[in-house]
Amino acid sequence: MQRHAPLGGADFTPETTYLNTAASGLLPRRSADAMRAALEESASYGTMGRDYFGPSAASRAAFARLLDIPEERVALGSSVAVQSAFVAASLPPGSEVLAPEGDFSSLVNPLAVRPGITLRTVPLEALAEEVRPGTALVAFSAVQSLDGKIADLAAVREAARAHGARTYLDATQAAGWLPLRAADYDFLVCGAFKWLLCPRGTTFMTFGGDGAPDVESWPRPLHAGWVAAEDLNDANFGPVRRPAGTARRFDEPHAHFSYVGAERSLALLEELGVAAVHAHNTALAEHYRAGLAARGLAPRPAPGSAIVSAPGLADAEGRLAEAGVRVSVRGGLLRAAFHLYNSTDDVDRLLDLIGPGGGTSG
């Protein structure tokens, strides 16, 4: 059996066995240091003043490279729910939205509460075949938060295209470890504080396609403020007369310190490469699945996922936490999530604590 050491080097020195990235990723040391320096500078604004747009611009460009989409098609935000509300508001009355049963609330709830929209939910496995001529939008997560199940991305895209429906992909549980191409989806949203290792308050939204954006086909920038203007020096008072000619027209005024950290976190992921992180994470997850099977335990099926959720172990969470192993319980399942700062030793420690018959030892 091949052993896997952590990736990321000195950027990570966790004091626990942290296997809970599906809840929140660890912040790299370089990101934390940059945020501390920015906070210190903000106490007096330093000699040069705060660079509000530099870190956010660098973060936008890095996210675009990681998700293989032109940066002109990337907008900055604060949360998945806000972006979902924007997508919902862009749909005409009478629209049908198709989504998987039990998908994450921040994605689907803004669509469910929008007046005049019908939200229809089906099992994830049936999502592609349930797209029909009256479907306006298919909204779904690339990777399910509950159990790590990966959607059949190609099948859903093909079905949506065949019926003239738009696609809205939530990449929050996927971007950073699962190779994705954001240009393949009409809308893609990503809360970056999990697998992308960014601070909370960092969210990206993309508008599909390659090359120069066709802004005339995009929705109206309903929640745009001054940062969404083409000329930032002429957009502080009154309505924004000329929105940016790129996806920046959909920017929210961003949380500065979050993007100071995001710039460094995304740089680390670019250095490592998503392909290398994917291979590392999935190898650890497979090792864990095999260990559970050897103990007579059957995790929820999620082939190829970095997230493993198992029934019958929910009561172990507290005892694992006391032993310094961080996992989570979602929907009665013990959920472990393996990322670049984890190792085979971490997986073995979790399995040893679970014990030979599923009970925790020690």
Protein backbone atom coordinates (compact mmCIF):
# COMPACT_ATOMS: atom_id res chain seq x y z
CA MET A 1 0.00 0.00 0.00
CA GLN A 2 1.33 3.38 -0.97
CA ARG A 3 1.63 5.85 1.91
CA HIS A 4 0.71 9.49 1.36
CA ALA A 5 2.33 12.37 3.24
CA PRO A 6 0.60 15.76 3.51
CA LEU A 7 0.96 18.29 0.73
CA GLY A 8 1.56 21.99 1.38
CA GLY A 9 4.66 21.72 3.55
CA ALA A 10 5.09 24.34 6.28
CA ASP A 11 1.84 26.08 5.31
CA PHE A 12 -0.05 23.65 7.57
CA THR A 13 0.74 22.60 11.13
CA PRO A 14 -2.67 21.54 12.52
CA GLU A 15 -2.85 20.74 16.21
CA THR A 16 -5.57 18.17 15.56
CA THR A 17 -6.17 15.39 13.06
CA TYR A 18 -8.36 17.58 10.91
CA LEU A 19 -10.66 15.62 8.59
CA ASN A 20 -13.46 18.16 8.30
CA THR A 21 -12.73 20.22 5.18
CA ALA A 22 -16.30 19.64 3.96
CA ALA A 23 -17.30 21.96 6.81
CA SER A 24 -14.41 24.43 6.56
CA GLY A 25 -10.89 24.26 5.21
CA LEU A 26 -7.75 25.08 7.13
CA LEU A 27 -6.20 28.46 6.38
CA PRO A 28 -2.62 28.21 5.06
CA ARG A 29 0.03 29.94 7.14
CA ARG A 30 0.82 32.31 4.26
CA SER A 31 -2.82 33.42 4.15
CA ALA A 32 -3.07 33.98 7.89
CA ASP A 33 0.19 35.97 7.86
CA ALA A 34 -1.05 38.19 5.03
CA MET A 35 -4.32 38.88 6.85
CA ARG A 36 -2.51 39.76 10.08
CA ALA A 37 -0.31 42.19 8.19
CA ALA A 38 -3.35 43.77 6.51
CA LEU A 39 -5.11 44.13 9.86
CA GLU A 40 -2.05 45.77 11.38
CA GLU A 41 -1.77 48.13 8.42
CA SER A 42 -5.44 49.05 8.79
CA ALA A 43 -4.83 50.41 12.26
CA SER A 44 -3.18 53.43 10.66
CA TYR A 45 -3.58 52.77 6.91
CA GLY A 46 0.21 52.79 6.70
CA THR A 47 2.17 55.05 4.44
CA MET A 48 0.56 53.96 1.18
CA GLY A 49 -3.04 53.35 2.20
CA ARG A 50 -5.06 50.18 1.78
CA ASP A 51 -5.01 48.44 -1.61
CA TYR A 52 -8.68 47.48 -1.79
CA PHE A 53 -8.75 46.08 -5.32
CA GLY A 54 -5.33 44.44 -5.68
CA PRO A 55 -5.93 41.24 -3.66
CA SER A 56 -9.44 40.80 -5.05
CA ALA A 57 -8.21 41.18 -8.63
CA ALA A 58 -5.46 38.62 -8.02
CA SER A 59 -7.98 36.25 -6.42
CA ARG A 60 -10.37 36.61 -9.35
CA ALA A 61 -7.58 35.78 -11.82
CA ALA A 62 -6.37 32.79 -9.79
CA PHE A 63 -9.87 31.35 -9.46
CA ALA A 64 -10.34 31.75 -13.20
CA ARG A 65 -7.17 29.79 -13.89
CA LEU A 66 -8.10 27.03 -11.43
CA LEU A 67 -11.58 26.66 -12.94
CA ASP A 68 -10.42 27.10 -16.56
CA ILE A 69 -12.50 30.13 -17.48
CA PRO A 70 -11.54 33.65 -18.65
CA GLU A 71 -11.31 36.00 -15.68
CA GLU A 72 -13.64 38.42 -17.47
CA ARG A 73 -16.38 35.91 -16.65
CA VAL A 74 -15.75 35.80 -12.87
CA ALA A 75 -17.60 37.92 -10.29
CA LEU A 76 -16.83 38.33 -6.59
CA GLY A 77 -19.34 37.83 -3.84
CA SER A 78 -19.85 37.00 -0.19
CA SER A 79 -22.08 33.89 -0.05
CA VAL A 80 -23.69 31.19 -2.15
CA ALA A 81 -27.16 32.18 -0.94
CA VAL A 82 -26.79 35.75 -2.25
CA GLN A 83 -25.70 34.48 -5.65
CA SER A 84 -28.55 31.95 -5.75
CA ALA A 85 -31.01 34.76 -5.01
CA PHE A 86 -29.53 36.67 -7.93
CA VAL A 87 -29.95 33.67 -10.26
CA ALA A 88 -33.52 33.19 -9.02
CA ALA A 89 -34.33 36.85 -9.68
CA SER A 90 -33.04 36.52 -13.23
CA LEU A 91 -35.64 33.85 -14.13
CA PRO A 92 -38.94 34.88 -15.72
CA PRO A 93 -42.21 34.13 -13.89
CA GLY A 94 -43.47 30.63 -14.52
CA SER A 95 -40.01 29.10 -14.76
CA GLU A 96 -39.38 25.56 -13.60
CA VAL A 97 -36.13 24.88 -11.74
CA LEU A 98 -34.95 21.29 -11.42
CA ALA A 99 -32.70 20.32 -8.51
CA PRO A 100 -31.62 17.17 -6.65
CA GLU A 101 -33.51 16.14 -3.55
CA GLY A 102 -31.69 17.23 -0.41
CA ASP A 103 -29.16 19.51 -2.10
CA PHE A 104 -27.58 22.20 0.07
CA SER A 105 -30.00 24.82 1.36
CA SER A 106 -27.92 27.86 0.37
CA LEU A 107 -28.20 26.73 -3.24
CA VAL A 108 -31.86 25.75 -3.41
CA ASN A 109 -33.72 27.82 -0.81
CA PRO A 110 -33.41 31.17 -2.67
CA LEU A 111 -34.82 29.38 -5.71
CA ALA A 112 -37.63 27.81 -3.67
CA VAL A 113 -38.85 31.07 -2.12
CA ARG A 114 -38.79 33.16 -5.30
CA PRO A 115 -42.43 33.95 -6.21
CA GLY A 116 -43.50 32.64 -9.57
CA ILE A 117 -40.88 29.88 -9.76
CA THR A 118 -41.59 26.17 -9.40
CA LEU A 119 -38.81 24.15 -7.81
CA ARG A 120 -39.02 20.47 -8.71
CA THR A 121 -36.69 18.03 -6.95
CA VAL A 122 -35.74 14.51 -8.01
CA PRO A 123 -33.10 11.99 -6.88
CA LEU A 124 -29.62 13.01 -7.95
CA GLU A 125 -29.24 9.86 -10.03
CA ALA A 126 -32.31 10.82 -12.07
CA LEU A 127 -31.40 14.47 -12.58
CA ALA A 128 -30.36 14.23 -16.24
CA GLU A 129 -33.34 12.14 -17.33
CA GLU A 130 -35.79 14.42 -15.52
CA VAL A 131 -34.86 17.53 -17.54
CA ARG A 132 -37.83 18.32 -19.77
CA PRO A 133 -38.79 20.94 -22.36
CA GLY A 134 -40.37 23.20 -19.73
CA THR A 135 -37.28 23.20 -17.49
CA ALA A 136 -35.65 26.65 -17.41
CA LEU A 137 -32.76 25.91 -15.06
CA VAL A 138 -31.02 22.86 -13.60
CA ALA A 139 -29.42 23.79 -10.27
CA PHE A 140 -27.21 21.22 -8.57
CA SER A 141 -24.02 20.67 -6.61
CA ALA A 142 -21.07 19.03 -8.30
CA VAL A 143 -20.46 17.11 -5.06
CA GLN A 144 -23.17 16.55 -2.49
CA SER A 145 -22.34 17.95 0.93
CA LEU A 146 -24.19 15.21 2.82
CA ASP A 147 -22.43 12.15 1.46
CA GLY A 148 -19.87 13.23 -1.14
CA LYS A 149 -21.75 11.84 -4.10
CA ILE A 150 -20.50 13.28 -7.40
CA ALA A 151 -23.10 14.31 -9.97
CA ASP A 152 -22.97 12.99 -13.52
CA LEU A 153 -21.85 16.38 -14.79
CA ALA A 154 -21.61 15.49 -18.47
CA ALA A 155 -25.05 13.84 -18.56
CA VAL A 156 -26.75 16.80 -16.89
CA ARG A 157 -25.05 19.29 -19.21
CA GLU A 158 -26.09 17.27 -22.26
CA ALA A 159 -29.69 16.90 -21.10
CA ALA A 160 -29.98 20.60 -20.27
CA ARG A 161 -28.56 21.57 -23.64
CA ALA A 162 -30.97 19.23 -25.44
CA HIS A 163 -33.98 20.86 -23.77
CA GLY A 164 -32.80 24.47 -23.84
CA ALA A 165 -32.35 24.68 -20.06
CA ARG A 166 -29.60 26.64 -18.35
CA THR A 167 -27.26 25.04 -15.82
CA TYR A 168 -26.32 26.41 -12.39
CA LEU A 169 -23.54 24.45 -10.68
CA ASP A 170 -22.55 24.80 -7.02
CA ALA A 171 -18.85 23.90 -6.86
CA THR A 172 -18.40 24.63 -3.15
CA GLN A 173 -17.66 20.99 -2.26
CA ALA A 174 -15.66 20.35 -5.42
CA ALA A 175 -13.46 23.28 -6.50
CA GLY A 176 -9.92 22.79 -5.27
CA TRP A 177 -9.82 19.00 -5.51
CA LEU A 178 -12.16 17.91 -8.34
CA PRO A 179 -11.11 19.07 -11.82
CA LEU A 180 -13.87 21.32 -13.23
CA ARG A 181 -14.31 23.63 -16.19
CA ALA A 182 -16.54 26.53 -15.19
CA ALA A 183 -17.00 27.65 -18.80
CA ASP A 184 -19.22 24.57 -19.33
CA TYR A 185 -22.01 25.95 -17.11
CA ASP A 186 -24.25 28.97 -17.54
CA PHE A 187 -23.71 29.85 -13.88
CA LEU A 188 -21.24 28.45 -11.37
CA VAL A 189 -20.97 29.48 -7.74
CA CYS A 190 -18.35 28.55 -5.19
CA GLY A 191 -18.09 29.29 -1.50
CA ALA A 192 -14.29 29.25 -1.30
CA PHE A 193 -13.80 28.67 2.44
CA LYS A 194 -13.78 24.90 2.16
CA TRP A 195 -11.57 23.09 -0.38
CA LEU A 196 -10.10 26.33 -1.76
CA LEU A 197 -8.79 27.13 1.75
CA CYS A 198 -9.91 30.77 1.65
CA PRO A 199 -11.31 32.79 4.56
CA ARG A 200 -15.06 32.91 5.02
CA GLY A 201 -16.67 35.70 3.04
CA THR A 202 -14.92 34.66 -0.17
CA THR A 203 -17.30 33.54 -2.93
CA PHE A 204 -16.96 33.41 -6.69
CA MET A 205 -19.62 33.39 -9.42
CA THR A 206 -18.92 32.59 -13.06
CA PHE A 207 -20.82 33.07 -16.28
CA GLY A 208 -20.22 30.32 -18.81
CA GLY A 209 -18.55 30.45 -22.17
CA ASP A 210 -15.13 31.05 -23.63
CA GLY A 211 -13.47 34.20 -24.88
CA ALA A 212 -14.90 37.69 -24.60
CA PRO A 213 -18.18 37.82 -22.66
CA ASP A 214 -21.44 38.52 -24.42
CA VAL A 215 -22.76 40.89 -21.77
CA GLU A 216 -26.01 41.47 -23.66
CA SER A 217 -27.06 37.87 -22.95
CA TRP A 218 -26.34 38.10 -19.23
CA PRO A 219 -28.96 38.94 -16.57
CA ARG A 220 -29.33 42.47 -15.30
CA PRO A 221 -26.90 43.27 -12.44
CA LEU A 222 -29.67 43.57 -9.87
CA HIS A 223 -27.47 43.77 -6.77
CA ALA A 224 -24.64 45.84 -8.25
CA GLY A 225 -23.15 48.82 -6.41
CA TRP A 226 -20.31 51.20 -7.12
CA VAL A 227 -17.66 48.46 -7.43
CA ALA A 228 -19.58 47.06 -10.43
CA ALA A 229 -19.14 50.21 -12.53
CA GLU A 230 -16.86 50.43 -15.54
CA ASP A 231 -15.36 53.67 -14.21
CA LEU A 232 -14.90 53.41 -10.46
CA ASN A 233 -14.05 57.10 -10.20
CA ASP A 234 -17.45 58.10 -11.53
CA ALA A 235 -19.79 55.70 -9.75
CA ASN A 236 -20.11 56.81 -6.15
CA PHE A 237 -23.28 58.87 -6.35
CA GLY A 238 -26.58 58.10 -8.00
CA PRO A 239 -27.34 55.11 -10.24
CA VAL A 240 -24.42 53.36 -11.92
CA ARG A 241 -24.64 54.70 -15.44
CA ARG A 242 -22.25 52.26 -17.08
CA PRO A 243 -21.77 48.77 -15.60
CA ALA A 244 -18.45 47.05 -16.20
CA GLY A 245 -18.15 45.25 -19.52
CA THR A 246 -17.11 42.05 -17.74
CA ALA A 247 -18.56 39.91 -14.95
CA ARG A 248 -17.27 42.54 -12.55
CA ARG A 249 -20.67 44.17 -13.19
CA PHE A 250 -22.02 41.53 -10.77
CA ASP A 251 -19.46 42.14 -8.00
CA GLU A 252 -20.53 42.82 -4.46
CA PRO A 253 -18.38 45.22 -2.44
CA HIS A 254 -16.07 42.52 -1.18
CA ALA A 255 -14.76 41.75 2.29
CA HIS A 256 -11.23 43.07 1.90
CA PHE A 257 -9.45 40.93 4.49
CA SER A 258 -11.06 37.75 3.17
CA TYR A 259 -9.62 38.39 -0.27
CA VAL A 260 -6.21 39.29 1.14
CA GLY A 261 -6.12 35.73 2.45
CA ALA A 262 -7.77 34.26 -0.63
CA GLU A 263 -5.02 35.57 -2.88
CA ARG A 264 -2.42 33.50 -0.99
CA SER A 265 -4.61 30.41 -0.59
CA LEU A 266 -5.40 30.20 -4.29
CA ALA A 267 -1.73 30.72 -5.12
CA LEU A 268 -0.88 27.66 -3.04
CA LEU A 269 -3.41 25.54 -4.88
CA GLU A 270 -2.03 26.73 -8.19
CA GLU A 271 1.46 25.72 -7.08
CA LEU A 272 0.30 22.21 -6.15
CA GLY A 273 -2.15 21.74 -9.03
CA VAL A 274 -5.71 20.45 -8.78
CA ALA A 275 -4.74 17.17 -10.44
CA ALA A 276 -2.18 16.41 -7.73
CA VAL A 277 -4.63 17.37 -4.96
CA HIS A 278 -7.32 15.20 -6.56
CA ALA A 279 -5.03 12.16 -6.67
CA HIS A 280 -3.94 12.72 -3.07
CA ASN A 281 -7.42 13.25 -1.64
CA THR A 282 -9.11 10.38 -3.43
CA ALA A 283 -6.32 7.95 -2.47
CA LEU A 284 -6.86 8.80 1.21
CA ALA A 285 -10.63 8.45 0.83
CA GLU A 286 -10.25 5.02 -0.81
CA HIS A 287 -7.94 3.92 2.01
CA TYR A 288 -10.61 4.95 4.52
CA ARG A 289 -13.39 3.18 2.61
CA ALA A 290 -11.31 -0.01 2.55
CA GLY A 291 -10.68 0.30 6.28
CA LEU A 292 -14.38 0.71 6.99
CA ALA A 293 -15.22 -2.30 4.82
CA ALA A 294 -12.67 -4.39 6.73
CA ARG A 295 -14.60 -3.49 9.89
CA GLY A 296 -17.92 -4.53 8.39
CA LEU A 297 -19.06 -0.95 7.84
CA ALA A 298 -20.54 0.33 4.57
CA PRO A 299 -20.22 4.04 3.78
CA ARG A 300 -22.69 5.74 1.48
CA PRO A 301 -21.76 5.07 -2.17
CA ALA A 302 -19.74 8.01 -3.54
CA PRO A 303 -17.19 6.64 -6.02
CA GLY A 304 -14.20 8.87 -6.60
CA SER A 305 -15.11 11.36 -3.88
CA ALA A 306 -12.87 12.96 -1.25
CA ILE A 307 -15.85 12.92 1.14
CA VAL A 308 -16.87 9.68 2.89
CA SER A 309 -20.05 9.48 4.99
CA ALA A 310 -20.94 6.37 6.96
CA PRO A 311 -24.08 5.35 8.87
CA GLY A 312 -23.96 3.82 12.31
CA LEU A 313 -21.08 5.97 13.59
CA ALA A 314 -22.73 9.27 14.47
CA ASP A 315 -22.30 8.75 18.19
CA ALA A 316 -18.53 8.50 17.73
CA GLU A 317 -18.09 12.19 16.84
CA GLY A 318 -17.76 13.40 20.42
CA ARG A 319 -15.28 10.71 21.40
CA LEU A 320 -13.23 11.34 18.27
CA ALA A 321 -13.14 15.05 19.07
CA GLU A 322 -11.86 14.27 22.57
CA ALA A 323 -9.05 12.30 20.94
CA GLY A 324 -8.21 15.26 18.70
CA VAL A 325 -9.81 13.94 15.48
CA ARG A 326 -12.13 16.44 13.81
CA VAL A 327 -14.94 15.09 11.65
CA SER A 328 -18.64 15.99 11.52
CA VAL A 329 -22.09 14.45 11.59
CA ARG A 330 -24.57 15.36 8.85
CA GLY A 331 -27.94 13.69 8.45
CA GLY A 332 -27.03 10.97 10.95
CA LEU A 333 -23.86 10.09 9.00
CA LEU A 334 -20.30 10.39 10.24
CA ARG A 335 -18.64 12.48 7.53
CA ALA A 336 -14.89 12.57 6.95
CA ALA A 337 -13.32 14.76 4.29
CA PHE A 338 -9.72 14.30 3.13
CA HIS A 339 -7.66 17.18 1.79
CA LEU A 340 -4.10 18.07 0.90
CA TYR A 341 -2.93 18.58 4.51
CA ASN A 342 -4.01 15.04 5.47
CA SER A 343 -1.92 11.87 5.36
CA THR A 344 -2.33 8.10 5.43
CA ASP A 345 -1.38 8.30 9.12
CA ASP A 346 -4.41 10.53 9.72
CA VAL A 347 -6.70 7.98 8.09
CA ASP A 348 -5.19 5.13 10.09
CA ARG A 349 -5.67 7.08 13.31
CA LEU A 350 -9.35 7.60 12.52
CA LEU A 351 -9.80 3.91 11.71
CA ASP A 352 -7.98 2.83 14.88
CA LEU A 353 -10.25 5.01 16.99
CA ILE A 354 -13.36 3.67 15.24
CA GLY A 355 -12.16 0.22 16.26
CA PRO A 356 -12.48 -3.28 14.84
CA GLY A 357 -16.25 -3.45 15.14
CA GLY A 358 -17.27 0.14 14.59
CA GLY A 359 -17.06 1.28 18.20
CA THR A 360 -14.44 3.79 19.24
CA SER A 361 -11.55 2.59 21.30
CA GLY A 362 -9.52 4.40 23.92
